[in-house]
Amino acid sequence: ALFDELGYETANCFYEKVGTSGSTFGRETTEEVILVPKLRIALERLNPGLDSDAIDLAIDELARDRSAMSLVQANRDVYKLLKDGAKVAFQNDEGEETDETVRVIDWNDPENNDFFLASQFWVSGSIYKRRTDLLGFVNGLPLIFIELKKSHGKIEHAYKHNLKDYQQTIPQLFWYNALIILSNGSQAKVGSMTAGWEHFANWKRLNSEGEQGIISLETVIRGTCEKNRFIDLAENFSLFEDARGGLVKLVAKNHQFLGVNNAMAALEQIKENQGKLGVFWHTQ
């Protein structure tokens, strides 16, 4: 209901039909994690006048098998396509070789994207089949993963027993992921797809005035999944870094997201502020 209020299309997918005919969301098998019909419509809308061959090639590039890569390398590979567009080469109607860049997400106008929340969405790996609690799709791509436990359960179990299992058994789901939310209904934490449990953090405020939802989970969803905030978080607050243990993905925490955006807003009003941007309090 909350995602519905935020303008997402929502559906319970427990009884989703999958196959070549009569498929509910266009999936031929449950191994597929992209909703291709939604993706195709979005790409056509974001790239008016572009040859259908270019759209087909962009879909192929987004959907290609990345199982030979590590999970985080595959995620970075997809993220580049989301940020910069899919570069494709094809022959036009005149038979000439043509290069095009196909926009995948409208970063400037969040409302120009397709937001869909699926509950009870089945995904198969090479051996096991899993049912995810909530998946948020943007233009048919599964960018938001939400795992929910019972109210008396520990959120840490969602990390140790569910998220880690899913990353091993249905890794293709996380090639596209931008944000992970773990919750037991009252408490909720946010992290990236490479974050250790100690790096999953609370998201306590919607804005600088300290506005909150009724419970932690509501604050997290409104604070990170509201369309403008999510697009901003995915585009401007996600970073890949070569750390000592290898490549990691970082997603900004609540105070960083609010603080940087406050600094950007102050910069736009720097004349009125007489050159003062404010102080960003932070630990080392």
Protein backbone atom coordinates (compact mmCIF):
# COMPACT_ATOMS: atom_id res chain seq x y z
CA ALA A 1 0.00 0.00 0.00
CA LEU A 2 2.89 2.36 0.77
CA PHE A 3 4.54 1.73 -2.61
CA ASP A 4 1.15 2.19 -4.24
CA GLU A 5 0.94 5.57 -2.50
CA LEU A 6 4.40 6.43 -3.87
CA GLY A 7 3.12 5.87 -7.41
CA TYR A 8 4.41 2.36 -8.07
CA GLU A 9 2.31 -0.18 -9.93
CA THR A 10 2.06 -3.15 -7.54
CA ALA A 11 1.19 -6.83 -7.95
CA ASN A 12 1.27 -10.08 -6.01
CA CYS A 13 3.20 -12.44 -8.31
CA PHE A 14 2.77 -15.68 -6.37
CA TYR A 15 0.59 -17.11 -9.16
CA GLU A 16 2.39 -15.39 -12.03
CA LYS A 17 2.06 -17.25 -15.33
CA VAL A 18 5.41 -17.92 -16.97
CA GLY A 19 5.94 -19.32 -20.48
CA THR A 20 5.87 -18.56 -24.18
CA SER A 21 2.10 -17.97 -24.22
CA GLY A 22 -0.11 -16.17 -21.71
CA SER A 23 2.84 -15.02 -19.61
CA THR A 24 1.77 -12.45 -16.99
CA PHE A 25 4.86 -10.23 -17.29
CA GLY A 26 6.51 -11.64 -20.40
CA ARG A 27 8.88 -14.05 -18.65
CA GLU A 28 9.46 -17.30 -20.52
CA THR A 29 11.16 -18.94 -17.52
CA THR A 30 11.56 -18.04 -13.85
CA GLU A 31 15.33 -17.79 -14.44
CA GLU A 32 14.67 -14.49 -16.22
CA VAL A 33 14.75 -11.50 -13.87
CA ILE A 34 14.10 -8.73 -16.42
CA LEU A 35 10.49 -7.89 -17.33
CA VAL A 36 11.24 -7.45 -21.05
CA PRO A 37 7.86 -6.00 -22.14
CA LYS A 38 8.20 -3.22 -19.54
CA LEU A 39 11.83 -2.66 -20.53
CA ARG A 40 10.99 -2.47 -24.25
CA ILE A 41 8.18 0.07 -23.72
CA ALA A 42 10.46 2.20 -21.53
CA LEU A 43 13.34 2.13 -24.02
CA GLU A 44 11.02 3.09 -26.87
CA ARG A 45 9.67 6.00 -24.80
CA LEU A 46 13.14 7.19 -23.74
CA ASN A 47 14.60 6.84 -27.25
CA PRO A 48 11.92 8.17 -29.64
CA GLY A 49 12.61 7.54 -33.30
CA LEU A 50 15.35 5.00 -32.60
CA ASP A 51 15.46 1.94 -34.85
CA SER A 52 13.85 -1.17 -33.36
CA ASP A 53 17.11 -3.06 -34.02
CA ALA A 54 18.88 -0.71 -31.63
CA ILE A 55 16.24 -1.36 -28.95
CA ASP A 56 16.57 -5.13 -29.45
CA LEU A 57 20.37 -4.95 -29.15
CA ALA A 58 20.14 -2.85 -25.98
CA ILE A 59 17.77 -5.40 -24.41
CA ASP A 60 20.15 -8.21 -25.41
CA GLU A 61 23.08 -6.34 -23.83
CA LEU A 62 21.18 -5.75 -20.57
CA ALA A 63 19.96 -9.35 -20.41
CA ARG A 64 23.16 -11.13 -21.45
CA ASP A 65 24.63 -13.85 -19.23
CA ARG A 66 27.16 -12.45 -16.75
CA SER A 67 27.61 -15.61 -14.69
CA ALA A 68 31.33 -15.79 -15.58
CA MET A 69 31.85 -12.50 -13.70
CA SER A 70 31.87 -12.03 -9.95
CA LEU A 71 28.60 -10.66 -8.57
CA VAL A 72 29.99 -7.16 -7.99
CA GLN A 73 31.74 -7.03 -11.39
CA ALA A 74 28.48 -7.97 -13.09
CA ASN A 75 26.70 -5.29 -11.06
CA ARG A 76 29.25 -2.65 -12.10
CA ASP A 77 28.93 -3.75 -15.73
CA VAL A 78 25.15 -3.25 -15.62
CA TYR A 79 25.45 0.00 -13.65
CA LYS A 80 27.53 1.53 -16.46
CA LEU A 81 24.71 0.68 -18.88
CA LEU A 82 22.16 2.29 -16.56
CA LYS A 83 24.26 5.44 -16.09
CA ASP A 84 25.68 5.95 -19.57
CA GLY A 85 23.24 4.07 -21.79
CA ALA A 86 23.78 0.94 -23.87
CA LYS A 87 26.07 1.53 -26.87
CA VAL A 88 24.95 -0.59 -29.83
CA ALA A 89 26.07 -0.99 -33.44
CA PHE A 90 23.72 -2.11 -36.23
CA GLN A 91 22.91 -1.64 -39.90
CA ASN A 92 20.31 1.02 -40.68
CA ASP A 93 17.70 0.82 -43.44
CA GLU A 94 20.29 2.03 -45.96
CA GLY A 95 22.64 -0.79 -44.99
CA GLU A 96 25.11 1.53 -43.29
CA GLU A 97 26.82 0.68 -39.99
CA THR A 98 25.34 2.91 -37.29
CA ASP A 99 26.31 3.46 -33.66
CA GLU A 100 23.71 4.55 -31.14
CA THR A 101 23.53 4.99 -27.38
CA VAL A 102 20.23 3.73 -25.97
CA ARG A 103 19.07 5.49 -22.79
CA VAL A 104 17.95 2.97 -20.17
CA ILE A 105 16.78 5.28 -17.35
CA ASP A 106 15.63 8.91 -17.37
CA TRP A 107 17.79 10.37 -14.61
CA ASN A 108 16.43 13.89 -15.11
CA ASP A 109 12.72 13.12 -14.84
CA PRO A 110 12.02 10.21 -12.47
CA GLU A 111 8.32 10.23 -13.44
CA ASN A 112 9.33 9.30 -17.00
CA ASN A 113 10.35 5.84 -15.78
CA ASP A 114 8.20 2.78 -15.07
CA PHE A 115 8.13 1.85 -11.36
CA PHE A 116 6.72 -1.57 -10.43
CA LEU A 117 6.73 -3.42 -7.11
CA ALA A 118 6.37 -7.22 -7.20
CA SER A 119 5.63 -9.25 -4.09
CA GLN A 120 6.17 -13.03 -3.87
CA PHE A 121 8.25 -13.05 -7.08
CA TRP A 122 9.71 -16.46 -8.01
CA VAL A 123 13.27 -16.68 -9.32
CA SER A 124 15.12 -19.87 -10.30
CA GLY A 125 18.85 -20.44 -10.25
CA SER A 126 20.79 -23.30 -11.79
CA ILE A 127 19.69 -25.62 -8.95
CA TYR A 128 17.27 -23.90 -6.55
CA LYS A 129 14.13 -21.80 -6.82
CA ARG A 130 13.47 -18.93 -4.43
CA ARG A 131 10.51 -16.63 -3.70
CA THR A 132 11.51 -13.05 -2.95
CA ASP A 133 9.44 -10.88 -0.62
CA LEU A 134 9.47 -7.56 -2.50
CA LEU A 135 11.28 -6.54 -5.67
CA GLY A 136 11.21 -3.01 -7.04
CA PHE A 137 11.58 -2.79 -10.82
CA VAL A 138 12.50 0.38 -12.72
CA ASN A 139 11.85 0.07 -16.45
CA GLY A 140 11.59 -3.70 -16.02
CA LEU A 141 14.94 -4.05 -14.22
CA PRO A 142 15.03 -5.38 -10.61
CA LEU A 143 16.87 -2.52 -8.86
CA ILE A 144 15.38 -2.75 -5.33
CA PHE A 145 15.51 -5.89 -3.14
CA ILE A 146 13.53 -6.01 0.11
CA GLU A 147 13.65 -8.95 2.53
CA LEU A 148 11.11 -8.99 5.37
CA LYS A 149 11.14 -11.05 8.57
CA LYS A 150 8.43 -11.47 11.20
CA SER A 151 8.24 -8.69 13.78
CA HIS A 152 9.80 -10.84 16.52
CA GLY A 153 12.64 -11.98 14.24
CA LYS A 154 16.10 -10.47 14.07
CA ILE A 155 16.88 -8.40 10.99
CA GLU A 156 20.34 -9.93 10.99
CA HIS A 157 18.74 -13.24 10.02
CA ALA A 158 17.43 -11.59 6.84
CA TYR A 159 21.05 -10.83 5.99
CA LYS A 160 22.70 -14.09 7.06
CA HIS A 161 20.05 -16.61 6.06
CA ASN A 162 18.12 -15.01 3.20
CA LEU A 163 20.19 -12.40 1.38
CA LYS A 164 23.39 -14.48 1.42
CA ASP A 165 21.46 -17.55 0.25
CA TYR A 166 19.81 -15.62 -2.59
CA GLN A 167 23.13 -14.19 -3.75
CA GLN A 168 24.47 -17.73 -4.06
CA THR A 169 21.39 -19.46 -5.50
CA ILE A 170 19.87 -16.74 -7.74
CA PRO A 171 22.87 -14.46 -8.42
CA GLN A 172 21.43 -13.04 -11.66
CA LEU A 173 18.95 -11.03 -9.58
CA PHE A 174 21.80 -9.02 -8.05
CA TRP A 175 23.49 -8.12 -11.34
CA TYR A 176 20.97 -5.26 -11.50
CA ASN A 177 20.56 -4.34 -7.85
CA ALA A 178 20.89 -0.73 -6.70
CA LEU A 179 19.59 -0.98 -3.13
CA ILE A 180 18.90 -3.63 -0.49
CA ILE A 181 16.46 -3.13 2.40
CA LEU A 182 16.18 -5.60 5.28
CA SER A 183 13.38 -5.29 7.85
CA ASN A 184 11.29 -7.06 10.48
CA GLY A 185 8.46 -4.56 10.08
CA SER A 186 9.50 -2.24 12.89
CA GLN A 187 13.26 -1.96 12.35
CA ALA A 188 14.82 -1.58 8.91
CA LYS A 189 18.33 -1.23 7.48
CA VAL A 190 19.73 -0.25 4.10
CA GLY A 191 22.89 -1.41 2.33
CA SER A 192 24.59 -2.25 -0.95
CA MET A 193 24.83 -5.69 -2.53
CA THR A 194 28.41 -6.12 -1.26
CA ALA A 195 27.91 -4.63 2.22
CA GLY A 196 28.75 -6.72 5.26
CA TRP A 197 26.14 -6.78 8.02
CA GLU A 198 28.07 -4.15 9.96
CA HIS A 199 27.67 -1.73 7.04
CA PHE A 200 23.88 -2.00 6.83
CA ALA A 201 22.62 1.25 8.31
CA ASN A 202 19.47 2.88 9.61
CA TRP A 203 17.69 5.52 7.52
CA LYS A 204 16.11 7.63 10.22
CA ARG A 205 15.13 10.88 8.51
CA LEU A 206 13.25 11.82 5.37
CA ASN A 207 14.66 15.34 5.29
CA SER A 208 16.77 17.85 7.18
CA GLU A 209 13.84 18.75 9.44
CA GLY A 210 14.06 15.23 10.83
CA GLU A 211 10.64 14.14 9.55
CA GLN A 212 10.08 10.42 10.04
CA GLY A 213 7.53 7.80 9.16
CA ILE A 214 5.41 6.08 11.79
CA ILE A 215 7.89 3.19 12.03
CA SER A 216 11.44 2.63 10.81
CA LEU A 217 10.35 0.64 7.72
CA GLU A 218 8.05 3.43 6.55
CA THR A 219 10.84 5.99 6.97
CA VAL A 220 13.24 3.79 4.99
CA ILE A 221 10.79 3.21 2.14
CA ARG A 222 9.74 6.86 1.89
CA GLY A 223 13.35 7.99 2.33
CA THR A 224 14.92 5.74 -0.31
CA CYS A 225 12.20 4.42 -2.64
CA GLU A 226 10.16 7.57 -3.31
CA LYS A 227 10.79 8.04 -7.04
CA ASN A 228 12.89 11.22 -6.93
CA ARG A 229 14.94 10.01 -3.97
CA PHE A 230 15.59 6.57 -5.42
CA ILE A 231 16.69 7.90 -8.81
CA ASP A 232 18.98 10.39 -7.03
CA LEU A 233 20.38 7.66 -4.76
CA ALA A 234 21.01 5.29 -7.67
CA GLU A 235 22.57 7.91 -9.95
CA ASN A 236 24.55 10.13 -7.59
CA PHE A 237 25.16 8.18 -4.39
CA SER A 238 26.41 4.79 -5.61
CA LEU A 239 30.13 4.12 -5.94
CA PHE A 240 32.38 1.20 -6.87
CA GLU A 241 35.75 1.12 -5.14
CA ASP A 242 38.74 -1.20 -5.23
CA ALA A 243 39.26 -2.03 -1.56
CA ARG A 244 41.80 -4.35 0.04
CA GLY A 245 39.42 -7.29 -0.23
CA GLY A 246 38.56 -6.54 -3.87
CA LEU A 247 35.88 -4.49 -5.61
CA VAL A 248 33.06 -3.23 -3.37
CA LYS A 249 29.92 -1.20 -3.97
CA LEU A 250 29.06 1.67 -1.66
CA VAL A 251 25.66 3.30 -1.22
CA ALA A 252 25.43 6.56 0.74
CA LYS A 253 24.03 6.59 4.26
CA ASN A 254 21.16 8.81 5.37
CA HIS A 255 23.25 11.71 6.71
CA GLN A 256 25.50 11.68 3.64
CA PHE A 257 22.54 11.75 1.24
CA LEU A 258 20.87 14.64 3.08
CA GLY A 259 24.12 16.50 3.76
CA VAL A 260 25.42 16.45 0.19
CA ASN A 261 22.04 17.50 -1.21
CA ASN A 262 21.88 20.33 1.34
CA ALA A 263 25.34 21.47 0.22
CA MET A 264 24.23 21.37 -3.44
CA ALA A 265 21.12 23.40 -2.59
CA ALA A 266 23.23 25.93 -0.64
CA LEU A 267 25.61 26.22 -3.60
CA GLU A 268 22.72 27.26 -5.83
CA GLN A 269 21.90 30.03 -3.34
CA ILE A 270 25.49 31.02 -2.57
CA LYS A 271 24.95 34.71 -3.32
CA GLU A 272 22.04 34.92 -0.89
CA ASN A 273 24.10 32.91 1.62
CA GLN A 274 26.98 35.37 1.19
CA GLY A 275 29.39 32.61 0.24
CA LYS A 276 28.60 30.29 3.15
CA LEU A 277 27.78 26.66 2.41
CA GLY A 278 27.47 25.36 5.97
CA VAL A 279 29.42 22.74 7.91
CA PHE A 280 29.28 19.01 7.13
CA TRP A 281 29.79 17.31 10.51
CA HIS A 282 31.37 13.90 10.03
CA THR A 283 33.62 11.39 11.76
CA GLN A 284 37.06 10.71 10.27
